[in-house]
C-alpha atoms as a PDB file:
ATOM      1  CA  MET A   1     114.962 107.210 113.251  1.00  0.00           C
ATOM      2  CA  ARG A   2     113.748 103.788 114.258  1.00  0.00           C
ATOM      3  CA  ARG A   3     113.788 101.426 111.240  1.00  0.00           C
ATOM      4  CA  ILE A   4     111.346  98.880 110.390  1.00  0.00           C
ATOM      5  CA  PRO A   5     112.607  96.437 107.684  1.00  0.00           C
ATOM      6  CA  SER A   6     109.578  96.241 105.356  1.00  0.00           C
ATOM      7  CA  GLY A   7     111.483  94.001 103.021  1.00  0.00           C
ATOM      8  CA  ILE A   8     108.754  94.480  99.982  1.00  0.00           C
ATOM      9  CA  LEU A   9     110.801  94.025  96.809  1.00  0.00           C
ATOM     10  CA  ASN A  10     109.940  96.078  93.762  1.00  0.00           C
ATOM     11  CA  GLU A  11     107.517  97.923  95.820  1.00  0.00           C
ATOM     12  CA  ARG A  12     106.056 100.229  92.852  1.00  0.00           C
ATOM     13  CA  THR A  13     104.604  96.978  91.198  1.00  0.00           C
ATOM     14  CA  ALA A  14     103.686  95.549  94.598  1.00  0.00           C
ATOM     15  CA  ARG A  15     101.307  98.901  95.046  1.00  0.00           C
ATOM     16  CA  THR A  16      99.168  97.802  92.012  1.00  0.00           C
ATOM     17  CA  LYS A  17      98.591  94.110  93.404  1.00  0.00           C
ATOM     18  CA  PHE A  18      98.043  94.499  96.626  1.00  0.00           C
ATOM     19  CA  THR A  19      96.980  96.803  99.393  1.00  0.00           C
ATOM     20  CA  LEU A  20      98.371  96.458 102.830  1.00  0.00           C
ATOM     21  CA  THR A  21      97.789  98.611 105.831  1.00  0.00           C
ATOM     22  CA  ARG A  22      98.767  98.760 109.708  1.00  0.00           C
ATOM     23  CA  HIS A  23      96.730  98.767 112.599  1.00  0.00           C
ATOM     24  CA  PRO A  24      97.689  99.357 116.222  1.00  0.00           C
ATOM     25  CA  PRO A  25      97.161  96.115 118.522  1.00  0.00           C
ATOM     26  CA  ALA A  26      95.133  96.746 121.632  1.00  0.00           C
ATOM     27  CA  PRO A  27      96.612  98.236 124.573  1.00  0.00           C
ATOM     28  CA  GLU A  28      97.272  95.041 126.622  1.00  0.00           C
ATOM     29  CA  LEU A  29      99.648  93.983 123.448  1.00  0.00           C
ATOM     30  CA  ARG A  30     101.617  97.144 122.860  1.00  0.00           C
ATOM     31  CA  ASP A  31     104.766  95.728 124.500  1.00  0.00           C
ATOM     32  CA  PHE A  32     104.406  92.548 122.365  1.00  0.00           C
ATOM     33  CA  VAL A  33     103.241  93.543 119.236  1.00  0.00           C
ATOM     34  CA  GLU A  34     104.438  96.178 116.547  1.00  0.00           C
ATOM     35  CA  HIS A  35     101.086  96.060 114.794  1.00  0.00           C
ATOM     36  CA  HIS A  36      98.669  94.309 112.518  1.00  0.00           C
ATOM     37  CA  TRP A  37      98.500  94.302 109.192  1.00  0.00           C
ATOM     38  CA  ILE A  38      95.659  93.575 106.891  1.00  0.00           C
ATOM     39  CA  LEU A  39      96.406  92.630 103.134  1.00  0.00           C
ATOM     40  CA  ARG A  40      94.324  92.220 100.215  1.00  0.00           C
ATOM     41  CA  TRP A  41      94.376  91.436  96.798  1.00  0.00           C
ATOM     42  CA  ASP A  42      91.891  90.896  93.744  1.00  0.00           C
ATOM     43  CA  LEU A  43      93.928  89.354  91.053  1.00  0.00           C
ATOM     44  CA  THR A  44      92.977  87.343  87.871  1.00  0.00           C
ATOM     45  CA  GLU A  45      96.650  86.822  86.795  1.00  0.00           C
ATOM     46  CA  PRO A  46      99.188  85.158  89.481  1.00  0.00           C
ATOM     47  CA  HIS A  47     101.557  87.314  90.999  1.00  0.00           C
ATOM     48  CA  ASP A  48     104.768  86.443  92.675  1.00  0.00           C
ATOM     49  CA  GLN A  49     105.580  88.702  95.729  1.00  0.00           C
ATOM     50  CA  HIS A  50     109.049  88.842  97.069  1.00  0.00           C
ATOM     51  CA  VAL A  51     109.723  89.769 100.722  1.00  0.00           C
ATOM     52  CA  LEU A  52     113.322  89.965 102.275  1.00  0.00           C
ATOM     53  CA  PRO A  53     113.715  88.226 105.703  1.00  0.00           C
ATOM     54  CA  ASN A  54     112.997  90.152 108.993  1.00  0.00           C
ATOM     55  CA  LEU A  55     113.361  89.552 112.391  1.00  0.00           C
ATOM     56  CA  SER A  56     109.750  89.303 113.629  1.00  0.00           C
ATOM     57  CA  VAL A  57     107.525  86.473 114.259  1.00  0.00           C
ATOM     58  CA  HIS A  58     104.079  86.579 112.226  1.00  0.00           C
ATOM     59  CA  VAL A  59     101.134  85.560 113.199  1.00  0.00           C
ATOM     60  CA  THR A  60      98.734  85.209 110.194  1.00  0.00           C
ATOM     61  CA  PHE A  61      95.410  84.000 109.150  1.00  0.00           C
ATOM     62  CA  PHE A  62      94.887  83.781 105.434  1.00  0.00           C
ATOM     63  CA  PRO A  63      93.419  80.992 103.409  1.00  0.00           C
ATOM     64  CA  GLY A  64      95.665  78.216 103.027  1.00  0.00           C
ATOM     65  CA  ALA A  65      98.566  80.144 105.059  1.00  0.00           C
ATOM     66  CA  CYS A  66      97.234  80.328 108.729  1.00  0.00           C
ATOM     67  CA  GLY A  67     100.325  80.079 110.553  1.00  0.00           C
ATOM     68  CA  VAL A  68     103.058  81.045 113.034  1.00  0.00           C
ATOM     69  CA  TYR A  69     106.097  82.150 110.672  1.00  0.00           C
ATOM     70  CA  GLY A  70     109.263  82.292 112.250  1.00  0.00           C
ATOM     71  CA  PRO A  71     112.245  84.579 111.836  1.00  0.00           C
ATOM     72  CA  ALA A  72     113.779  83.536 108.058  1.00  0.00           C
ATOM     73  CA  HIS A  73     117.370  83.660 106.335  1.00  0.00           C
ATOM     74  CA  GLN A  74     115.870  83.439 102.893  1.00  0.00           C
ATOM     75  CA  LEU A  75     113.963  85.278 100.770  1.00  0.00           C
ATOM     76  CA  PHE A  76     110.184  84.573 101.039  1.00  0.00           C
ATOM     77  CA  THR A  77     107.980  84.410  97.943  1.00  0.00           C
ATOM     78  CA  HIS A  78     104.060  84.142  98.100  1.00  0.00           C
ATOM     79  CA  ARG A  79     101.870  83.981  95.305  1.00  0.00           C
ATOM     80  CA  LEU A  80      98.912  85.959  95.103  1.00  0.00           C
ATOM     81  CA  HIS A  81      95.920  85.108  92.937  1.00  0.00           C
ATOM     82  CA  GLY A  82      92.021  85.506  93.119  1.00  0.00           C
ATOM     83  CA  ARG A  83      90.159  87.468  95.894  1.00  0.00           C
ATOM     84  CA  VAL A  84      91.583  87.391  99.401  1.00  0.00           C
ATOM     85  CA  HIS A  85      91.859  89.107 102.512  1.00  0.00           C
ATOM     86  CA  GLY A  86      93.557  88.187 105.409  1.00  0.00           C
ATOM     87  CA  ILE A  87      95.323  89.965 108.748  1.00  0.00           C
ATOM     88  CA  GLY A  88      98.743  89.336 110.471  1.00  0.00           C
ATOM     89  CA  ALA A  89     100.286  90.337 113.833  1.00  0.00           C
ATOM     90  CA  ARG A  90     103.776  91.410 113.582  1.00  0.00           C
ATOM     91  CA  ILE A  91     105.475  90.295 117.107  1.00  0.00           C
ATOM     92  CA  ARG A  92     108.442  92.677 118.123  1.00  0.00           C
ATOM     93  CA  PRO A  93     111.567  90.606 117.597  1.00  0.00           C
ATOM     94  CA  GLY A  94     112.591  89.449 121.119  1.00  0.00           C
ATOM     95  CA  CYS A  95     109.032  89.194 122.359  1.00  0.00           C
ATOM     96  CA  PHE A  96     107.634  86.063 121.364  1.00  0.00           C
ATOM     97  CA  ARG A  97     109.251  83.680 123.813  1.00  0.00           C
ATOM     98  CA  PRO A  98     106.322  84.183 126.517  1.00  0.00           C
ATOM     99  CA  PHE A  99     103.855  82.823 123.837  1.00  0.00           C
ATOM    100  CA  LEU A 100     106.162  79.764 123.055  1.00  0.00           C
ATOM    101  CA  ASP A 101     107.010  77.000 125.054  1.00  0.00           C
ATOM    102  CA  ALA A 102     110.281  76.868 123.517  1.00  0.00           C
ATOM    103  CA  PRO A 103     113.464  79.031 122.356  1.00  0.00           C
ATOM    104  CA  VAL A 104     112.132  81.292 119.202  1.00  0.00           C
ATOM    105  CA  ARG A 105     115.171  79.538 117.366  1.00  0.00           C
ATOM    106  CA  THR A 106     113.056  76.679 117.065  1.00  0.00           C
ATOM    107  CA  LEU A 107     110.942  78.629 114.959  1.00  0.00           C
ATOM    108  CA  ALA A 108     113.433  79.991 112.465  1.00  0.00           C
ATOM    109  CA  ASP A 109     112.865  79.174 108.686  1.00  0.00           C
ATOM    110  CA  ARG A 110     110.014  77.448 109.394  1.00  0.00           C
ATOM    111  CA  ALA A 111     106.064  77.898 109.816  1.00  0.00           C
ATOM    112  CA  ALA A 112     104.009  76.250 112.950  1.00  0.00           C
ATOM    113  CA  ASP A 113     100.172  75.543 112.733  1.00  0.00           C
ATOM    114  CA  VAL A 114      98.564  78.411 114.897  1.00  0.00           C
ATOM    115  CA  ALA A 115      97.058  75.831 116.846  1.00  0.00           C
ATOM    116  CA  GLU A 116     100.648  74.174 117.670  1.00  0.00           C
ATOM    117  CA  VAL A 117     101.340  77.406 119.584  1.00  0.00           C
ATOM    118  CA  PHE A 118      97.696  78.720 120.948  1.00  0.00           C
ATOM    119  CA  GLY A 119      95.675  75.484 121.100  1.00  0.00           C
ATOM    120  CA  PRO A 120      91.878  74.915 120.402  1.00  0.00           C
ATOM    121  CA  ALA A 121      91.479  79.197 120.312  1.00  0.00           C
ATOM    122  CA  ALA A 122      93.229  79.114 116.937  1.00  0.00           C
ATOM    123  CA  ALA A 123      90.584  77.235 115.185  1.00  0.00           C
ATOM    124  CA  ALA A 124      87.789  79.948 116.618  1.00  0.00           C
ATOM    125  CA  ALA A 125      90.148  82.985 115.774  1.00  0.00           C
ATOM    126  CA  GLU A 126      90.451  81.424 112.296  1.00  0.00           C
ATOM    127  CA  GLU A 127      86.854  81.011 112.089  1.00  0.00           C
ATOM    128  CA  SER A 128      86.072  84.489 113.475  1.00  0.00           C
ATOM    129  CA  ILE A 129      88.518  86.017 111.085  1.00  0.00           C
ATOM    130  CA  ARG A 130      87.322  84.280 108.045  1.00  0.00           C
ATOM    131  CA  ASN A 131      83.691  85.344 108.637  1.00  0.00           C
ATOM    132  CA  ALA A 132      84.906  89.197 109.627  1.00  0.00           C
ATOM    133  CA  ARG A 133      83.071  91.651 107.900  1.00  0.00           C
ATOM    134  CA  THR A 134      85.123  94.598 108.732  1.00  0.00           C
ATOM    135  CA  ASP A 135      88.912  95.171 109.556  1.00  0.00           C
ATOM    136  CA  GLU A 136      88.029  96.085 112.979  1.00  0.00           C
ATOM    137  CA  GLU A 137      86.352  92.340 113.730  1.00  0.00           C
ATOM    138  CA  MET A 138      89.435  90.703 112.105  1.00  0.00           C
ATOM    139  CA  ILE A 139      91.604  92.853 114.437  1.00  0.00           C
ATOM    140  CA  THR A 140      89.545  91.701 117.575  1.00  0.00           C
ATOM    141  CA  ALA A 141      89.567  88.557 116.925  1.00  0.00           C
ATOM    142  CA  ILE A 142      93.604  88.404 116.572  1.00  0.00           C
ATOM    143  CA  ASP A 143      94.014  90.550 119.512  1.00  0.00           C
ATOM    144  CA  ASN A 144      91.718  88.276 121.825  1.00  0.00           C
ATOM    145  CA  LEU A 145      93.866  85.136 120.696  1.00  0.00           C
ATOM    146  CA  LEU A 146      97.244  86.857 121.733  1.00  0.00           C
ATOM    147  CA  ILE A 147      95.715  88.296 124.938  1.00  0.00           C
ATOM    148  CA  ALA A 148      94.443  85.063 126.159  1.00  0.00           C
ATOM    149  CA  ARG A 149      97.927  83.385 125.767  1.00  0.00           C
ATOM    150  CA  ARG A 150     100.025  86.446 126.985  1.00  0.00           C
ATOM    151  CA  ARG A 151     102.394  86.404 130.085  1.00  0.00           C
ATOM    152  CA  PRO A 152     104.620  89.295 131.762  1.00  0.00           C
ATOM    153  CA  ILE A 153     108.059  89.869 129.348  1.00  0.00           C
ATOM    154  CA  PRO A 154     110.556  88.874 131.839  1.00  0.00           C
ATOM    155  CA  HIS A 155     113.997  90.830 131.968  1.00  0.00           C
ATOM    156  CA  ALA A 156     115.831  88.374 129.145  1.00  0.00           C
ATOM    157  CA  PRO A 157     113.304  89.159 126.358  1.00  0.00           C
ATOM    158  CA  ARG A 158     112.730  92.764 127.245  1.00  0.00           C
ATOM    159  CA  THR A 159     116.758  93.110 126.744  1.00  0.00           C
ATOM    160  CA  ALA A 160     116.468  91.239 123.601  1.00  0.00           C
ATOM    161  CA  ALA A 161     114.100  93.685 122.220  1.00  0.00           C
ATOM    162  CA  GLU A 162     115.949  96.284 123.409  1.00  0.00           C
ATOM    163  CA  ALA A 163     119.049  94.962 121.422  1.00  0.00           C
ATOM    164  CA  VAL A 164     116.924  94.838 118.037  1.00  0.00           C
ATOM    165  CA  GLU A 165     115.614  98.557 119.188  1.00  0.00           C
ATOM    166  CA  THR A 166     119.226  99.456 119.659  1.00  0.00           C
ATOM    167  CA  ILE A 167     120.365  98.197 115.935  1.00  0.00           C
ATOM    168  CA  ALA A 168     117.118  99.700 114.290  1.00  0.00           C
ATOM    169  CA  ALA A 169     117.761 103.022 115.888  1.00  0.00           C
ATOM    170  CA  ASP A 170     121.638 103.051 115.179  1.00  0.00           C
ATOM    171  CA  PRO A 171     122.641 102.550 111.404  1.00  0.00           C
ATOM    172  CA  GLY A 172     126.206 102.831 112.889  1.00  0.00           C
ATOM    173  CA  ILE A 173     126.084  99.806 114.343  1.00  0.00           C
ATOM    174  CA  THR A 174     127.392  97.117 112.098  1.00  0.00           C
ATOM    175  CA  ARG A 175     129.512  94.651 114.276  1.00  0.00           C
ATOM    176  CA  VAL A 176     128.178  92.411 117.058  1.00  0.00           C
ATOM    177  CA  ALA A 177     131.141  93.907 119.158  1.00  0.00           C
ATOM    178  CA  GLU A 178     129.566  97.414 118.733  1.00  0.00           C
ATOM    179  CA  LEU A 179     125.850  95.964 119.797  1.00  0.00           C
ATOM    180  CA  ALA A 180     127.766  94.309 122.845  1.00  0.00           C
ATOM    181  CA  ALA A 181     129.312  97.324 123.900  1.00  0.00           C
ATOM    182  CA  ALA A 182     125.899  99.451 123.682  1.00  0.00           C
ATOM    183  CA  LEU A 183     123.982  97.026 125.876  1.00  0.00           C
ATOM    184  CA  GLY A 184     126.853  96.438 128.260  1.00  0.00           C
ATOM    185  CA  LEU A 185     127.215  93.039 127.421  1.00  0.00           C
ATOM    186  CA  SER A 186     129.631  90.555 126.597  1.00  0.00           C
ATOM    187  CA  VAL A 187     129.627  89.171 122.756  1.00  0.00           C
ATOM    188  CA  ARG A 188     128.769  85.888 123.990  1.00  0.00           C
ATOM    189  CA  ALA A 189     126.062  87.035 126.231  1.00  0.00           C
ATOM    190  CA  VAL A 190     124.396  88.721 123.172  1.00  0.00           C
ATOM    191  CA  GLN A 191     124.630  85.976 120.924  1.00  0.00           C
ATOM    192  CA  ARG A 192     122.838  83.823 123.495  1.00  0.00           C
ATOM    193  CA  LEU A 193     119.954  86.340 124.268  1.00  0.00           C
ATOM    194  CA  PHE A 194     119.487  86.191 120.300  1.00  0.00           C
ATOM    195  CA  ALA A 195     119.368  82.610 119.833  1.00  0.00           C
ATOM    196  CA  GLU A 196     116.995  82.184 123.074  1.00  0.00           C
ATOM    197  CA  HIS A 197     114.482  85.229 122.161  1.00  0.00           C
ATOM    198  CA  VAL A 198     115.034  86.278 118.617  1.00  0.00           C
ATOM    199  CA  GLY A 199     115.685  83.218 116.710  1.00  0.00           C
ATOM    200  CA  THR A 200     118.883  84.363 114.882  1.00  0.00           C
ATOM    201  CA  THR A 201     122.303  85.364 115.548  1.00  0.00           C
ATOM    202  CA  PRO A 202     122.956  88.825 116.280  1.00  0.00           C
ATOM    203  CA  LYS A 203     125.243  89.151 113.259  1.00  0.00           C
ATOM    204  CA  TRP A 204     122.354  87.984 110.847  1.00  0.00           C
ATOM    205  CA  ALA A 205     120.250  90.450 112.843  1.00  0.00           C
ATOM    206  CA  ILE A 206     122.449  93.223 112.320  1.00  0.00           C
ATOM    207  CA  ARG A 207     122.727  92.106 108.222  1.00  0.00           C
ATOM    208  CA  ILE A 208     118.614  92.447 107.935  1.00  0.00           C
ATOM    209  CA  TYR A 209     118.912  96.158 108.582  1.00  0.00           C
ATOM    210  CA  ARG A 210     121.581  96.593 106.384  1.00  0.00           C
ATOM    211  CA  LEU A 211     119.964  94.495 103.155  1.00  0.00           C
ATOM    212  CA  ASN A 212     116.849  96.117 103.897  1.00  0.00           C
ATOM    213  CA  GLU A 213     118.553  99.418 103.866  1.00  0.00           C
ATOM    214  CA  ALA A 214     120.404  98.653 100.853  1.00  0.00           C
ATOM    215  CA  ALA A 215     117.179  97.631  99.056  1.00  0.00           C
ATOM    216  CA  ARG A 216     115.739 100.871  99.691  1.00  0.00           C
ATOM    217  CA  LEU A 217     118.265 103.132  98.638  1.00  0.00           C
ATOM    218  CA  LEU A 218     118.715 101.104  95.559  1.00  0.00           C
ATOM    219  CA  ALA A 219     115.205 101.459  94.425  1.00  0.00           C
ATOM    220  CA  ALA A 220     115.553 105.256  94.735  1.00  0.00           C
ATOM    221  CA  PRO A 221     114.965 107.274  91.247  1.00  0.00           C
ATOM    222  CA  ILE A 222     118.547 107.845  91.432  1.00  0.00           C
ATOM    223  CA  PRO A 223     120.652 105.176  92.884  1.00  0.00           C
ATOM    224  CA  PRO A 224     123.635 105.711  95.135  1.00  0.00           C
ATOM    225  CA  ASP A 225     127.199 104.747  94.085  1.00  0.00           C
ATOM    226  CA  TYR A 226     127.779 101.168  94.844  1.00  0.00           C
ATOM    227  CA  ALA A 227     131.115 101.396  96.898  1.00  0.00           C
ATOM    228  CA  ASP A 228     129.871 104.346  98.761  1.00  0.00           C
ATOM    229  CA  LEU A 229     126.726 102.522  99.513  1.00  0.00           C
ATOM    230  CA  ALA A 230     129.052  99.661 100.983  1.00  0.00           C
ATOM    231  CA  THR A 231     130.752 101.817 102.940  1.00  0.00           C
ATOM    232  CA  ARG A 232     127.902 103.225 104.634  1.00  0.00           C
ATOM    233  CA  LEU A 233     126.674 100.011 105.373  1.00  0.00           C
ATOM    234  CA  GLY A 234     129.484  98.671 107.173  1.00  0.00           C
ATOM    235  CA  TYR A 235     131.152  96.448 104.160  1.00  0.00           C
ATOM    236  CA  SER A 236     134.854  96.457 104.429  1.00  0.00           C
ATOM    237  CA  ASP A 237     134.623  96.200 100.256  1.00  0.00           C
ATOM    238  CA  GLN A 238     131.917  96.640  97.610  1.00  0.00           C
ATOM    239  CA  PRO A 239     132.590  92.960  96.620  1.00  0.00           C
ATOM    240  CA  HIS A 240     131.285  91.592  99.870  1.00  0.00           C
ATOM    241  CA  PHE A 241     128.199  94.139  99.904  1.00  0.00           C
ATOM    242  CA  ILE A 242     127.502  92.770  96.337  1.00  0.00           C
ATOM    243  CA  ARG A 243     127.749  88.938  97.513  1.00  0.00           C
ATOM    244  CA  ASP A 244     125.793  89.773 100.651  1.00  0.00           C
ATOM    245  CA  PHE A 245     122.448  91.297  98.844  1.00  0.00           C
ATOM    246  CA  ALA A 246     122.811  88.685  95.546  1.00  0.00           C
ATOM    247  CA  ALA A 247     122.626  85.742  98.207  1.00  0.00           C
ATOM    248  CA  VAL A 248     119.586  87.042  99.581  1.00  0.00           C
ATOM    249  CA  THR A 249     117.388  88.773  97.021  1.00  0.00           C
ATOM    250  CA  GLY A 250     119.052  86.628  94.142  1.00  0.00           C
ATOM    251  CA  THR A 251     120.099  89.800  92.324  1.00  0.00           C
ATOM    252  CA  PRO A 252     122.976  91.862  92.205  1.00  0.00           C
ATOM    253  CA  PRO A 253     122.494  95.450  93.496  1.00  0.00           C
ATOM    254  CA  ALA A 254     123.226  97.006  90.076  1.00  0.00           C
ATOM    255  CA  GLU A 255     120.498  94.737  88.436  1.00  0.00           C
ATOM    256  CA  TYR A 256     118.118  95.372  91.096  1.00  0.00           C
ATOM    257  CA  ALA A 257     118.399  99.207  90.856  1.00  0.00           C
ATOM    258  CA  ARG A 258     118.139  98.685  86.994  1.00  0.00           C
ATOM    259  CA  SER A 259     114.818  96.996  87.462  1.00  0.00           C
ATOM    260  CA  ALA A 260     113.433  99.319  90.294  1.00  0.00           C
ATOM    261  CA  ARG A 261     114.062 102.160  87.933  1.00  0.00           C
ATOM    262  CA  ARG A 262     112.317 100.415  84.765  1.00  0.00           C
ATOM    263  CA  LEU A 263     109.265  99.491  87.028  1.00  0.00           C
ATOM    264  CA  MET A 264     109.354 103.214  88.334  1.00  0.00           C
ATOM    265  CA  SER A 265     108.832 104.199  84.690  1.00  0.00           C
ATOM    266  CA  SER A 266     106.395 102.197  83.534  1.00  0.00           C
ATOM    267  CA  THR A 267     104.218 101.478  86.524  1.00  0.00           C
ATOM    268  CA  PRO A 268     101.261 104.019  87.388  1.00  0.00           C
ATOM    269  CA  ASP A 269     101.655 105.315  91.006  1.00  0.00           C
ATOM    270  CA  GLY A 270      98.776 103.545  93.110  1.00  0.00           C
ATOM    271  CA  ALA A 271      98.434 103.175  96.770  1.00  0.00           C
ATOM    272  CA  LYS A 272     101.546 102.619  98.737  1.00  0.00           C
ATOM    273  CA  PRO A 273     101.134  99.261 100.442  1.00  0.00           C
ATOM    274  CA  GLY A 274     102.463 100.451 103.754  1.00  0.00           C
ATOM    275  CA  ASN A 275     104.180  97.631 105.372  1.00  0.00           C
END
């Protein structure tokens, strides 16, 4: 089964703080865009939402947060407060290079102004989204921005997208050499492909899927045995898994699992965000 890492930490609490829905892009963009996501919240007290890093480039339009966000290596935290709504496009990993006049690694761990990538059309899209009365109007505005900029996807970014899809579809791939063998490429060729078109190393890409899977399983009502989970995710030992998880989330697996169970028992079940 293909995995799309949502990365929403403490999802049970998140359900009560905001709503998040997915929407398909225009047919012309389906090779580029996984989905559009619309986020709404109405909060009198601030809420800090933590999200694990993922491989996608996101083009977002929110008050104070219009930007092109590259693939990240650190936990992302966004403070939600007041009454806000906006939209983002989640670009398929490997497929943003045709929009960008530079390797995708130049966007890693940073956000560019939308106008830096899309030019003057970004301002018109921002205004249309700000004044939109319906979800459909927001979706049309972001679709039009992307359609005007899109170009044919050459062979290399298609191969990069295929590489990420291979990781997403096969949890058994835990080493770059295994990925290279599945693609029929050398390890060095895969590393160059990821730097240019994904913006991370292939090793980090594999790690992203492992950590998102770990967070999902640790938040289950009955968390897994940590040693078994480490083995299942391809770690050589449990301490290595614990260090990896804590380095990215800031919380050791056992503490994260305990926190998730406490929230599960104390938080009412609201509408699932859906990322």
